[in-house]
């Protein structure tokens, strides 16, 4: 595990060398830092590598988190990195469904977090 960002309200880490994991509130205060650190990590990867985003630890859903997620997806696509799975917390899964973003995300409904926040 490698910690990319540690704040009072959010934590970003890489697990198993291929999973970008977010925990905490991940709100407007932390969104820019999360986006930047995640983008740096994605840009450091070789082309054609497969990665996952794990947002099951995000405790509150907001448009700020969606912006971070979309930024990472754009960055991965432009650098030839393949996102094979996005795991979401229940609040975030509801928000992405409501926003109509599910078709853009490789989500397996059985892997959405089992806890509610």
PDB file of N, CA and C in Angstrom:
ATOM      1  N   UNK A   1       0.839  -1.176   0.000  1.00  0.00           N
ATOM      2  CA  UNK A   1       0.000   0.000   0.000  1.00  0.00           C
ATOM      3  C   UNK A   1       0.887   1.242   0.000  1.00  0.00           C
ATOM      4  N   UNK A   2       0.508   2.188  -0.831  1.00  0.00           N
ATOM      5  CA  UNK A   2       1.250   3.438  -0.930  1.00  0.00           C
ATOM      6  C   UNK A   2       0.269   4.602  -0.770  1.00  0.00           C
ATOM      7  N   UNK A   3       0.472   5.423   0.227  1.00  0.00           N
ATOM      8  CA  UNK A   3      -0.413   6.558   0.482  1.00  0.00           C
ATOM      9  C   UNK A   3      -0.002   7.719  -0.418  1.00  0.00           C
ATOM     10  N   UNK A   4      -0.954   8.196  -1.225  1.00  0.00           N
ATOM     11  CA  UNK A   4      -0.709   9.330  -2.115  1.00  0.00           C
ATOM     12  C   UNK A   4      -1.135  10.648  -1.487  1.00  0.00           C
ATOM     13  N   UNK A   5      -2.158  10.590  -0.625  1.00  0.00           N
ATOM     14  CA  UNK A   5      -2.685  11.798   0.007  1.00  0.00           C
ATOM     15  C   UNK A   5      -3.307  11.421   1.344  1.00  0.00           C
ATOM     16  N   UNK A   6      -2.948  12.163   2.365  1.00  0.00           N
ATOM     17  CA  UNK A   6      -3.503  11.949   3.708  1.00  0.00           C
ATOM     18  C   UNK A   6      -3.964  13.296   4.235  1.00  0.00           C
ATOM     19  N   UNK A   7      -5.277  13.429   4.413  1.00  0.00           N
ATOM     20  CA  UNK A   7      -5.868  14.646   4.961  1.00  0.00           C
ATOM     21  C   UNK A   7      -6.797  14.255   6.096  1.00  0.00           C
ATOM     22  N   UNK A   8      -7.247  15.245   6.857  1.00  0.00           N
ATOM     23  CA  UNK A   8      -8.206  14.954   7.924  1.00  0.00           C
ATOM     24  C   UNK A   8      -9.514  14.407   7.359  1.00  0.00           C
ATOM     25  N   UNK A   9      -9.892  14.888   6.168  1.00  0.00           N
ATOM     26  CA  UNK A   9     -11.184  14.516   5.600  1.00  0.00           C
ATOM     27  C   UNK A   9     -11.122  13.437   4.525  1.00  0.00           C
ATOM     28  N   UNK A  10      -9.950  13.103   4.020  1.00  0.00           N
ATOM     29  CA  UNK A  10      -9.869  12.118   2.937  1.00  0.00           C
ATOM     30  C   UNK A  10      -8.481  11.498   2.859  1.00  0.00           C
ATOM     31  N   UNK A  11      -8.462  10.283   2.356  1.00  0.00           N
ATOM     32  CA  UNK A  11      -7.204   9.552   2.175  1.00  0.00           C
ATOM     33  C   UNK A  11      -7.236   8.901   0.795  1.00  0.00           C
ATOM     34  N   UNK A  12      -6.122   8.976   0.082  1.00  0.00           N
ATOM     35  CA  UNK A  12      -5.983   8.347  -1.230  1.00  0.00           C
ATOM     36  C   UNK A  12      -4.763   7.449  -1.185  1.00  0.00           C
ATOM     37  N   UNK A  13      -4.948   6.186  -1.573  1.00  0.00           N
ATOM     38  CA  UNK A  13      -3.840   5.244  -1.537  1.00  0.00           C
ATOM     39  C   UNK A  13      -3.921   4.280  -2.712  1.00  0.00           C
ATOM     40  N   UNK A  14      -2.800   3.668  -3.005  1.00  0.00           N
ATOM     41  CA  UNK A  14      -2.728   2.633  -4.026  1.00  0.00           C
ATOM     42  C   UNK A  14      -2.563   1.305  -3.303  1.00  0.00           C
ATOM     43  N   UNK A  15      -3.445   0.365  -3.599  1.00  0.00           N
ATOM     44  CA  UNK A  15      -3.396  -0.972  -3.004  1.00  0.00           C
ATOM     45  C   UNK A  15      -3.083  -1.992  -4.095  1.00  0.00           C
ATOM     46  N   UNK A  16      -2.268  -2.954  -3.773  1.00  0.00           N
ATOM     47  CA  UNK A  16      -1.920  -4.030  -4.712  1.00  0.00           C
ATOM     48  C   UNK A  16      -1.393  -3.498  -6.043  1.00  0.00           C
ATOM     49  N   UNK A  17      -0.783  -2.345  -6.032  1.00  0.00           N
ATOM     50  CA  UNK A  17      -0.146  -1.712  -7.190  1.00  0.00           C
ATOM     51  C   UNK A  17      -1.092  -1.389  -8.339  1.00  0.00           C
ATOM     52  N   UNK A  18      -2.396  -1.633  -8.168  1.00  0.00           N
ATOM     53  CA  UNK A  18      -3.304  -1.360  -9.280  1.00  0.00           C
ATOM     54  C   UNK A  18      -4.683  -0.858  -8.867  1.00  0.00           C
ATOM     55  N   UNK A  19      -4.890  -0.645  -7.578  1.00  0.00           N
ATOM     56  CA  UNK A  19      -6.189  -0.170  -7.105  1.00  0.00           C
ATOM     57  C   UNK A  19      -6.021   1.198  -6.459  1.00  0.00           C
ATOM     58  N   UNK A  20      -6.681   2.196  -7.030  1.00  0.00           N
ATOM     59  CA  UNK A  20      -6.673   3.544  -6.480  1.00  0.00           C
ATOM     60  C   UNK A  20      -7.865   3.641  -5.534  1.00  0.00           C
ATOM     61  N   UNK A  21      -7.600   3.798  -4.239  1.00  0.00           N
ATOM     62  CA  UNK A  21      -8.640   3.722  -3.210  1.00  0.00           C
ATOM     63  C   UNK A  21      -8.804   5.054  -2.486  1.00  0.00           C
ATOM     64  N   UNK A  22     -10.059   5.473  -2.358  1.00  0.00           N
ATOM     65  CA  UNK A  22     -10.397   6.711  -1.653  1.00  0.00           C
ATOM     66  C   UNK A  22     -11.215   6.366  -0.417  1.00  0.00           C
ATOM     67  N   UNK A  23     -10.868   6.985   0.711  1.00  0.00           N
ATOM     68  CA  UNK A  23     -11.632   6.850   1.948  1.00  0.00           C
ATOM     69  C   UNK A  23     -11.897   8.237   2.509  1.00  0.00           C
ATOM     70  N   UNK A  24     -13.044   8.381   3.175  1.00  0.00           N
ATOM     71  CA  UNK A  24     -13.352   9.641   3.839  1.00  0.00           C
ATOM     72  C   UNK A  24     -14.491  10.388   3.187  1.00  0.00           C
ATOM     73  N   UNK A  25     -14.541  11.683   3.449  1.00  0.00           N
ATOM     74  CA  UNK A  25     -15.633  12.502   2.936  1.00  0.00           C
ATOM     75  C   UNK A  25     -15.451  12.879   1.477  1.00  0.00           C
ATOM     76  N   UNK A  26     -14.242  13.110   1.044  1.00  0.00           N
ATOM     77  CA  UNK A  26     -13.970  13.447  -0.358  1.00  0.00           C
ATOM     78  C   UNK A  26     -14.942  14.509  -0.867  1.00  0.00           C
ATOM     79  N   UNK A  27     -14.950  15.650  -0.204  1.00  0.00           N
ATOM     80  CA  UNK A  27     -15.868  16.723  -0.551  1.00  0.00           C
ATOM     81  C   UNK A  27     -15.156  17.823  -1.337  1.00  0.00           C
ATOM     82  N   UNK A  28     -15.789  18.984  -1.424  1.00  0.00           N
ATOM     83  CA  UNK A  28     -15.214  20.079  -2.208  1.00  0.00           C
ATOM     84  C   UNK A  28     -13.859  20.533  -1.677  1.00  0.00           C
ATOM     85  N   UNK A  29     -13.643  20.400  -0.374  1.00  0.00           N
ATOM     86  CA  UNK A  29     -12.360  20.807   0.201  1.00  0.00           C
ATOM     87  C   UNK A  29     -11.207  19.916  -0.248  1.00  0.00           C
ATOM     88  N   UNK A  30     -11.479  18.651  -0.463  1.00  0.00           N
ATOM     89  CA  UNK A  30     -10.407  17.712  -0.818  1.00  0.00           C
ATOM     90  C   UNK A  30     -10.382  17.331  -2.295  1.00  0.00           C
ATOM     91  N   UNK A  31     -11.396  17.705  -3.053  1.00  0.00           N
ATOM     92  CA  UNK A  31     -11.527  17.244  -4.441  1.00  0.00           C
ATOM     93  C   UNK A  31     -10.326  17.593  -5.320  1.00  0.00           C
ATOM     94  N   UNK A  32      -9.853  18.813  -5.261  1.00  0.00           N
ATOM     95  CA  UNK A  32      -8.735  19.212  -6.127  1.00  0.00           C
ATOM     96  C   UNK A  32      -7.478  18.405  -5.816  1.00  0.00           C
ATOM     97  N   UNK A  33      -7.201  18.202  -4.531  1.00  0.00           N
ATOM     98  CA  UNK A  33      -6.023  17.421  -4.139  1.00  0.00           C
ATOM     99  C   UNK A  33      -6.159  15.969  -4.554  1.00  0.00           C
ATOM    100  N   UNK A  34      -7.344  15.394  -4.357  1.00  0.00           N
ATOM    101  CA  UNK A  34      -7.579  14.010  -4.767  1.00  0.00           C
ATOM    102  C   UNK A  34      -7.413  13.855  -6.273  1.00  0.00           C
ATOM    103  N   UNK A  35      -8.007  14.772  -7.025  1.00  0.00           N
ATOM    104  CA  UNK A  35      -7.909  14.697  -8.487  1.00  0.00           C
ATOM    105  C   UNK A  35      -6.457  14.782  -8.935  1.00  0.00           C
ATOM    106  N   UNK A  36      -5.709  15.715  -8.371  1.00  0.00           N
ATOM    107  CA  UNK A  36      -4.312  15.912  -8.779  1.00  0.00           C
ATOM    108  C   UNK A  36      -3.444  14.706  -8.448  1.00  0.00           C
ATOM    109  N   UNK A  37      -3.565  14.177  -7.238  1.00  0.00           N
ATOM    110  CA  UNK A  37      -2.732  13.030  -6.840  1.00  0.00           C
ATOM    111  C   UNK A  37      -3.099  11.776  -7.632  1.00  0.00           C
ATOM    112  N   UNK A  38      -4.385  11.574  -7.871  1.00  0.00           N
ATOM    113  CA  UNK A  38      -4.807  10.436  -8.679  1.00  0.00           C
ATOM    114  C   UNK A  38      -4.331  10.556 -10.112  1.00  0.00           C
ATOM    115  N   UNK A  39      -4.401  11.765 -10.651  1.00  0.00           N
ATOM    116  CA  UNK A  39      -3.929  12.026 -12.020  1.00  0.00           C
ATOM    117  C   UNK A  39      -2.431  11.762 -12.127  1.00  0.00           C
ATOM    118  N   UNK A  40      -1.661  12.221 -11.148  1.00  0.00           N
ATOM    119  CA  UNK A  40      -0.208  11.970 -11.154  1.00  0.00           C
ATOM    120  C   UNK A  40       0.090  10.478 -11.171  1.00  0.00           C
ATOM    121  N   UNK A  41      -0.641   9.730 -10.348  1.00  0.00           N
ATOM    122  CA  UNK A  41      -0.417   8.286 -10.299  1.00  0.00           C
ATOM    123  C   UNK A  41      -0.762   7.633 -11.638  1.00  0.00           C
ATOM    124  N   UNK A  42      -1.911   7.997 -12.200  1.00  0.00           N
ATOM    125  CA  UNK A  42      -2.324   7.421 -13.482  1.00  0.00           C
ATOM    126  C   UNK A  42      -1.314   7.734 -14.581  1.00  0.00           C
ATOM    127  N   UNK A  43      -0.788   8.948 -14.590  1.00  0.00           N
ATOM    128  CA  UNK A  43       0.183   9.344 -15.609  1.00  0.00           C
ATOM    129  C   UNK A  43       1.516   8.629 -15.445  1.00  0.00           C
ATOM    130  N   UNK A  44       1.776   8.093 -14.270  1.00  0.00           N
ATOM    131  CA  UNK A  44       3.039   7.389 -14.030  1.00  0.00           C
ATOM    132  C   UNK A  44       2.994   5.927 -14.485  1.00  0.00           C
ATOM    133  N   UNK A  45       1.814   5.444 -14.825  1.00  0.00           N
ATOM    134  CA  UNK A  45       1.650   4.035 -15.186  1.00  0.00           C
ATOM    135  C   UNK A  45       1.995   3.784 -16.649  1.00  0.00           C
ATOM    136  N   UNK A  46       2.430   2.563 -16.969  1.00  0.00           N
ATOM    137  CA  UNK A  46       2.670   2.221 -18.373  1.00  0.00           C
ATOM    138  C   UNK A  46       1.346   2.076 -19.126  1.00  0.00           C
ATOM    139  N   UNK A  47       1.391   2.277 -20.426  1.00  0.00           N
ATOM    140  CA  UNK A  47       0.198   2.098 -21.263  1.00  0.00           C
ATOM    141  C   UNK A  47      -0.306   0.661 -21.141  1.00  0.00           C
ATOM    142  N   UNK A  48      -1.584   0.498 -21.321  1.00  0.00           N
ATOM    143  CA  UNK A  48      -2.264  -0.801 -21.352  1.00  0.00           C
ATOM    144  C   UNK A  48      -2.324  -1.525 -20.012  1.00  0.00           C
ATOM    145  N   UNK A  49      -1.910  -0.879 -18.939  1.00  0.00           N
ATOM    146  CA  UNK A  49      -2.059  -1.501 -17.618  1.00  0.00           C
ATOM    147  C   UNK A  49      -3.541  -1.421 -17.225  1.00  0.00           C
ATOM    148  N   UNK A  50      -3.997  -2.392 -16.449  1.00  0.00           N
ATOM    149  CA  UNK A  50      -5.376  -2.414 -15.976  1.00  0.00           C
ATOM    150  C   UNK A  50      -5.412  -2.007 -14.508  1.00  0.00           C
ATOM    151  N   UNK A  51      -6.310  -1.069 -14.189  1.00  0.00           N
ATOM    152  CA  UNK A  51      -6.442  -0.595 -12.815  1.00  0.00           C
ATOM    153  C   UNK A  51      -7.910  -0.561 -12.401  1.00  0.00           C
ATOM    154  N   UNK A  52      -8.102  -0.402 -11.106  1.00  0.00           N
ATOM    155  CA  UNK A  52      -9.442  -0.281 -10.536  1.00  0.00           C
ATOM    156  C   UNK A  52      -9.503   0.974  -9.673  1.00  0.00           C
ATOM    157  N   UNK A  53     -10.701   1.523  -9.559  1.00  0.00           N
ATOM    158  CA  UNK A  53     -10.958   2.610  -8.627  1.00  0.00           C
ATOM    159  C   UNK A  53     -11.859   2.054  -7.532  1.00  0.00           C
ATOM    160  N   UNK A  54     -11.466   2.227  -6.284  1.00  0.00           N
ATOM    161  CA  UNK A  54     -12.260   1.771  -5.151  1.00  0.00           C
ATOM    162  C   UNK A  54     -12.708   2.987  -4.349  1.00  0.00           C
ATOM    163  N   UNK A  55     -13.977   3.322  -4.488  1.00  0.00           N
ATOM    164  CA  UNK A  55     -14.554   4.445  -3.759  1.00  0.00           C
ATOM    165  C   UNK A  55     -15.573   3.965  -2.731  1.00  0.00           C
ATOM    166  N   UNK A  56     -15.427   2.720  -2.289  1.00  0.00           N
ATOM    167  CA  UNK A  56     -16.364   2.173  -1.303  1.00  0.00           C
ATOM    168  C   UNK A  56     -16.219   2.835   0.056  1.00  0.00           C
ATOM    169  N   UNK A  57     -15.097   3.475   0.303  1.00  0.00           N
ATOM    170  CA  UNK A  57     -14.873   4.150   1.575  1.00  0.00           C
ATOM    171  C   UNK A  57     -15.292   5.604   1.584  1.00  0.00           C
ATOM    172  N   UNK A  58     -15.904   6.075   0.499  1.00  0.00           N
ATOM    173  CA  UNK A  58     -16.371   7.467   0.436  1.00  0.00           C
ATOM    174  C   UNK A  58     -17.683   7.552   1.213  1.00  0.00           C
ATOM    175  N   UNK A  59     -17.669   8.338   2.281  1.00  0.00           N
ATOM    176  CA  UNK A  59     -18.802   8.354   3.205  1.00  0.00           C
ATOM    177  C   UNK A  59     -19.957   9.249   2.784  1.00  0.00           C
ATOM    178  N   UNK A  60     -19.708  10.260   1.980  1.00  0.00           N
ATOM    179  CA  UNK A  60     -20.807  11.103   1.515  1.00  0.00           C
ATOM    180  C   UNK A  60     -20.642  11.352   0.024  1.00  0.00           C
ATOM    181  N   UNK A  61     -21.742  11.330  -0.668  1.00  0.00           N
ATOM    182  CA  UNK A  61     -21.712  11.510  -2.116  1.00  0.00           C
ATOM    183  C   UNK A  61     -21.933  12.977  -2.453  1.00  0.00           C
ATOM    184  N   UNK A  62     -21.134  13.482  -3.368  1.00  0.00           N
ATOM    185  CA  UNK A  62     -21.297  14.863  -3.816  1.00  0.00           C
ATOM    186  C   UNK A  62     -20.830  14.982  -5.257  1.00  0.00           C
ATOM    187  N   UNK A  63     -21.200  16.078  -5.869  1.00  0.00           N
ATOM    188  CA  UNK A  63     -20.750  16.305  -7.242  1.00  0.00           C
ATOM    189  C   UNK A  63     -19.235  16.468  -7.295  1.00  0.00           C
ATOM    190  N   UNK A  64     -18.619  16.844  -6.183  1.00  0.00           N
ATOM    191  CA  UNK A  64     -17.157  16.965  -6.143  1.00  0.00           C
ATOM    192  C   UNK A  64     -16.499  15.609  -6.378  1.00  0.00           C
ATOM    193  N   UNK A  65     -17.041  14.571  -5.756  1.00  0.00           N
ATOM    194  CA  UNK A  65     -16.494  13.224  -5.939  1.00  0.00           C
ATOM    195  C   UNK A  65     -16.702  12.768  -7.376  1.00  0.00           C
ATOM    196  N   UNK A  66     -17.861  13.078  -7.939  1.00  0.00           N
ATOM    197  CA  UNK A  66     -18.111  12.721  -9.338  1.00  0.00           C
ATOM    198  C   UNK A  66     -17.115  13.416 -10.258  1.00  0.00           C
ATOM    199  N   UNK A  67     -16.805  14.662  -9.975  1.00  0.00           N
ATOM    200  CA  UNK A  67     -15.822  15.393 -10.781  1.00  0.00           C
ATOM    201  C   UNK A  67     -14.452  14.732 -10.717  1.00  0.00           C
ATOM    202  N   UNK A  68     -14.053  14.304  -9.524  1.00  0.00           N
ATOM    203  CA  UNK A  68     -12.773  13.611  -9.360  1.00  0.00           C
ATOM    204  C   UNK A  68     -12.777  12.323 -10.173  1.00  0.00           C
ATOM    205  N   UNK A  69     -13.830  11.550 -10.046  1.00  0.00           N
ATOM    206  CA  UNK A  69     -13.942  10.285 -10.769  1.00  0.00           C
ATOM    207  C   UNK A  69     -13.885  10.497 -12.280  1.00  0.00           C
ATOM    208  N   UNK A  70     -14.622  11.473 -12.775  1.00  0.00           N
ATOM    209  CA  UNK A  70     -14.612  11.753 -14.216  1.00  0.00           C
ATOM    210  C   UNK A  70     -13.242  12.240 -14.686  1.00  0.00           C
ATOM    211  N   UNK A  71     -12.565  13.026 -13.873  1.00  0.00           N
ATOM    212  CA  UNK A  71     -11.213  13.483 -14.207  1.00  0.00           C
ATOM    213  C   UNK A  71     -10.265  12.298 -14.328  1.00  0.00           C
ATOM    214  N   UNK A  72     -10.349  11.371 -13.382  1.00  0.00           N
ATOM    215  CA  UNK A  72      -9.492  10.182 -13.434  1.00  0.00           C
ATOM    216  C   UNK A  72      -9.798   9.331 -14.659  1.00  0.00           C
ATOM    217  N   UNK A  73     -11.074   9.200 -15.004  1.00  0.00           N
ATOM    218  CA  UNK A  73     -11.442   8.423 -16.192  1.00  0.00           C
ATOM    219  C   UNK A  73     -10.872   9.057 -17.453  1.00  0.00           C
ATOM    220  N   UNK A  74     -10.977  10.375 -17.567  1.00  0.00           N
ATOM    221  CA  UNK A  74     -10.415  11.090 -18.734  1.00  0.00           C
ATOM    222  C   UNK A  74      -8.909  10.912 -18.790  1.00  0.00           C
ATOM    223  N   UNK A  75      -8.259  11.061 -17.659  1.00  0.00           N
ATOM    224  CA  UNK A  75      -6.806  10.930 -17.594  1.00  0.00           C
ATOM    225  C   UNK A  75      -6.373   9.524 -17.994  1.00  0.00           C
ATOM    226  N   UNK A  76      -7.043   8.522 -17.459  1.00  0.00           N
ATOM    227  CA  UNK A  76      -6.702   7.132 -17.784  1.00  0.00           C
ATOM    228  C   UNK A  76      -6.861   6.881 -19.276  1.00  0.00           C
ATOM    229  N   UNK A  77      -7.963   7.344 -19.833  1.00  0.00           N
ATOM    230  CA  UNK A  77      -8.206   7.135 -21.261  1.00  0.00           C
ATOM    231  C   UNK A  77      -7.132   7.808 -22.108  1.00  0.00           C
ATOM    232  N   UNK A  78      -6.767   9.023 -21.764  1.00  0.00           N
ATOM    233  CA  UNK A  78      -5.776   9.745 -22.569  1.00  0.00           C
ATOM    234  C   UNK A  78      -4.374   9.164 -22.435  1.00  0.00           C
ATOM    235  N   UNK A  79      -4.126   8.386 -21.384  1.00  0.00           N
ATOM    236  CA  UNK A  79      -2.804   7.780 -21.181  1.00  0.00           C
ATOM    237  C   UNK A  79      -2.780   6.283 -21.484  1.00  0.00           C
ATOM    238  N   UNK A  80      -3.872   5.766 -22.041  1.00  0.00           N
ATOM    239  CA  UNK A  80      -3.908   4.361 -22.418  1.00  0.00           C
ATOM    240  C   UNK A  80      -3.979   3.397 -21.254  1.00  0.00           C
ATOM    241  N   UNK A  81      -4.479   3.875 -20.112  1.00  0.00           N
ATOM    242  CA  UNK A  81      -4.659   3.031 -18.929  1.00  0.00           C
ATOM    243  C   UNK A  81      -6.099   2.524 -18.945  1.00  0.00           C
ATOM    244  N   UNK A  82      -6.287   1.233 -18.713  1.00  0.00           N
ATOM    245  CA  UNK A  82      -7.615   0.624 -18.770  1.00  0.00           C
ATOM    246  C   UNK A  82      -8.220   0.510 -17.371  1.00  0.00           C
ATOM    247  N   UNK A  83      -9.383   1.120 -17.189  1.00  0.00           N
ATOM    248  CA  UNK A  83     -10.105   1.008 -15.927  1.00  0.00           C
ATOM    249  C   UNK A  83     -11.032  -0.199 -16.063  1.00  0.00           C
ATOM    250  N   UNK A  84     -10.744  -1.241 -15.302  1.00  0.00           N
ATOM    251  CA  UNK A  84     -11.512  -2.478 -15.433  1.00  0.00           C
ATOM    252  C   UNK A  84     -12.651  -2.576 -14.427  1.00  0.00           C
ATOM    253  N   UNK A  85     -12.590  -1.774 -13.377  1.00  0.00           N
ATOM    254  CA  UNK A  85     -13.670  -1.812 -12.396  1.00  0.00           C
ATOM    255  C   UNK A  85     -13.674  -0.540 -11.556  1.00  0.00           C
ATOM    256  N   UNK A  86     -14.874  -0.082 -11.239  1.00  0.00           N
ATOM    257  CA  UNK A  86     -15.064   1.030 -10.308  1.00  0.00           C
ATOM    258  C   UNK A  86     -16.006   0.534  -9.219  1.00  0.00           C
ATOM    259  N   UNK A  87     -15.525   0.465  -7.990  1.00  0.00           N
ATOM    260  CA  UNK A  87     -16.345   0.054  -6.846  1.00  0.00           C
ATOM    261  C   UNK A  87     -16.806   1.308  -6.110  1.00  0.00           C
ATOM    262  N   UNK A  88     -18.105   1.390  -5.842  1.00  0.00           N
ATOM    263  CA  UNK A  88     -18.691   2.590  -5.251  1.00  0.00           C
ATOM    264  C   UNK A  88     -19.356   2.291  -3.913  1.00  0.00           C
ATOM    265  N   UNK A  89     -19.355   3.287  -3.027  1.00  0.00           N
ATOM    266  CA  UNK A  89     -20.164   3.198  -1.808  1.00  0.00           C
ATOM    267  C   UNK A  89     -21.629   3.333  -2.233  1.00  0.00           C
ATOM    268  N   UNK A  90     -22.551   2.910  -1.367  1.00  0.00           N
ATOM    269  CA  UNK A  90     -23.973   3.019  -1.710  1.00  0.00           C
ATOM    270  C   UNK A  90     -24.394   4.457  -2.015  1.00  0.00           C
ATOM    271  N   UNK A  91     -24.015   5.444  -1.186  1.00  0.00           N
ATOM    272  CA  UNK A  91     -24.415   6.817  -1.511  1.00  0.00           C
ATOM    273  C   UNK A  91     -23.875   7.272  -2.870  1.00  0.00           C
ATOM    274  N   UNK A  92     -22.662   6.896  -3.174  1.00  0.00           N
ATOM    275  CA  UNK A  92     -22.066   7.293  -4.447  1.00  0.00           C
ATOM    276  C   UNK A  92     -22.707   6.548  -5.614  1.00  0.00           C
ATOM    277  N   UNK A  93     -23.056   5.292  -5.415  1.00  0.00           N
ATOM    278  CA  UNK A  93     -23.735   4.520  -6.465  1.00  0.00           C
ATOM    279  C   UNK A  93     -25.091   5.143  -6.787  1.00  0.00           C
ATOM    280  N   UNK A  94     -25.811   5.581  -5.760  1.00  0.00           N
ATOM    281  CA  UNK A  94     -27.103   6.235  -5.995  1.00  0.00           C
ATOM    282  C   UNK A  94     -26.915   7.529  -6.775  1.00  0.00           C
ATOM    283  N   UNK A  95     -25.883   8.294  -6.419  1.00  0.00           N
ATOM    284  CA  UNK A  95     -25.646   9.564  -7.103  1.00  0.00           C
ATOM    285  C   UNK A  95     -25.244   9.354  -8.564  1.00  0.00           C
ATOM    286  N   UNK A  96     -24.383   8.388  -8.842  1.00  0.00           N
ATOM    287  CA  UNK A  96     -23.987   8.146 -10.239  1.00  0.00           C
ATOM    288  C   UNK A  96     -25.174   7.667 -11.059  1.00  0.00           C
ATOM    289  N   UNK A  97     -26.047   6.854 -10.459  1.00  0.00           N
ATOM    290  CA  UNK A  97     -27.244   6.398 -11.168  1.00  0.00           C
ATOM    291  C   UNK A  97     -28.166   7.575 -11.465  1.00  0.00           C
ATOM    292  N   UNK A  98     -28.358   8.433 -10.467  1.00  0.00           N
ATOM    293  CA  UNK A  98     -29.217   9.597 -10.631  1.00  0.00           C
ATOM    294  C   UNK A  98     -28.666  10.555 -11.690  1.00  0.00           C
ATOM    295  N   UNK A  99     -27.346  10.667 -11.754  1.00  0.00           N
ATOM    296  CA  UNK A  99     -26.709  11.567 -12.722  1.00  0.00           C
ATOM    297  C   UNK A  99     -26.596  10.935 -14.110  1.00  0.00           C
ATOM    298  N   UNK A 100     -26.978   9.665 -14.234  1.00  0.00           N
ATOM    299  CA  UNK A 100     -26.910   8.994 -15.528  1.00  0.00           C
ATOM    300  C   UNK A 100     -25.500   8.617 -15.947  1.00  0.00           C
ATOM    301  N   UNK A 101     -24.597   8.444 -14.974  1.00  0.00           N
ATOM    302  CA  UNK A 101     -23.196   8.145 -15.288  1.00  0.00           C
ATOM    303  C   UNK A 101     -22.877   6.655 -15.328  1.00  0.00           C
ATOM    304  N   UNK A 102     -23.798   5.812 -14.906  1.00  0.00           N
ATOM    305  CA  UNK A 102     -23.517   4.377 -14.860  1.00  0.00           C
ATOM    306  C   UNK A 102     -22.994   3.806 -16.182  1.00  0.00           C
ATOM    307  N   UNK A 103     -23.528   4.230 -17.330  1.00  0.00           N
ATOM    308  CA  UNK A 103     -23.007   3.670 -18.587  1.00  0.00           C
ATOM    309  C   UNK A 103     -21.522   3.988 -18.835  1.00  0.00           C
ATOM    310  N   UNK A 104     -20.988   4.997 -18.172  1.00  0.00           N
ATOM    311  CA  UNK A 104     -19.583   5.368 -18.353  1.00  0.00           C
ATOM    312  C   UNK A 104     -18.643   4.589 -17.448  1.00  0.00           C
ATOM    313  N   UNK A 105     -19.202   3.874 -16.469  1.00  0.00           N
ATOM    314  CA  UNK A 105     -18.383   3.226 -15.443  1.00  0.00           C
ATOM    315  C   UNK A 105     -18.459   1.708 -15.528  1.00  0.00           C
ATOM    316  N   UNK A 106     -17.317   1.039 -15.429  1.00  0.00           N
ATOM    317  CA  UNK A 106     -17.337  -0.425 -15.358  1.00  0.00           C
ATOM    318  C   UNK A 106     -17.684  -0.862 -13.934  1.00  0.00           C
ATOM    319  N   UNK A 107     -19.001  -0.899 -13.643  1.00  0.00           N
ATOM    320  CA  UNK A 107     -19.482  -1.205 -12.292  1.00  0.00           C
ATOM    321  C   UNK A 107     -20.134  -2.579 -12.293  1.00  0.00           C
ATOM    322  N   UNK A 108     -19.803  -3.374 -11.305  1.00  0.00           N
ATOM    323  CA  UNK A 108     -20.443  -4.663 -11.066  1.00  0.00           C
ATOM    324  C   UNK A 108     -21.318  -4.470  -9.837  1.00  0.00           C
ATOM    325  N   UNK A 109     -22.622  -4.537 -10.017  1.00  0.00           N
ATOM    326  CA  UNK A 109     -23.549  -4.252  -8.918  1.00  0.00           C
ATOM    327  C   UNK A 109     -23.271  -5.095  -7.679  1.00  0.00           C
ATOM    328  N   UNK A 110     -22.747  -6.295  -7.852  1.00  0.00           N
ATOM    329  CA  UNK A 110     -22.493  -7.141  -6.693  1.00  0.00           C
ATOM    330  C   UNK A 110     -21.316  -6.643  -5.874  1.00  0.00           C
ATOM    331  N   UNK A 111     -20.529  -5.718  -6.426  1.00  0.00           N
ATOM    332  CA  UNK A 111     -19.350  -5.241  -5.709  1.00  0.00           C
ATOM    333  C   UNK A 111     -19.526  -3.836  -5.152  1.00  0.00           C
ATOM    334  N   UNK A 112     -20.743  -3.296  -5.230  1.00  0.00           N
ATOM    335  CA  UNK A 112     -21.012  -2.026  -4.563  1.00  0.00           C
ATOM    336  C   UNK A 112     -20.951  -2.308  -3.067  1.00  0.00           C
ATOM    337  N   UNK A 113     -20.421  -1.391  -2.311  1.00  0.00           N
ATOM    338  CA  UNK A 113     -20.211  -1.601  -0.867  1.00  0.00           C
ATOM    339  C   UNK A 113     -21.478  -2.080  -0.183  1.00  0.00           C
ATOM    340  N   UNK A 114     -21.322  -2.985   0.750  1.00  0.00           N
ATOM    341  CA  UNK A 114     -22.472  -3.539   1.454  1.00  0.00           C
ATOM    342  C   UNK A 114     -22.912  -2.673   2.625  1.00  0.00           C
ATOM    343  N   UNK A 115     -22.091  -1.676   2.993  1.00  0.00           N
ATOM    344  CA  UNK A 115     -22.482  -0.809   4.112  1.00  0.00           C
ATOM    345  C   UNK A 115     -23.110   0.471   3.584  1.00  0.00           C
ATOM    346  N   UNK A 116     -23.924   1.101   4.397  1.00  0.00           N
ATOM    347  CA  UNK A 116     -24.497   2.388   4.034  1.00  0.00           C
ATOM    348  C   UNK A 116     -23.841   3.451   4.877  1.00  0.00           C
ATOM    349  N   UNK A 117     -23.771   4.617   4.300  1.00  0.00           N
ATOM    350  CA  UNK A 117     -23.138   5.720   5.033  1.00  0.00           C
ATOM    351  C   UNK A 117     -24.098   6.861   5.168  1.00  0.00           C
TER     352      UNK A 117
END
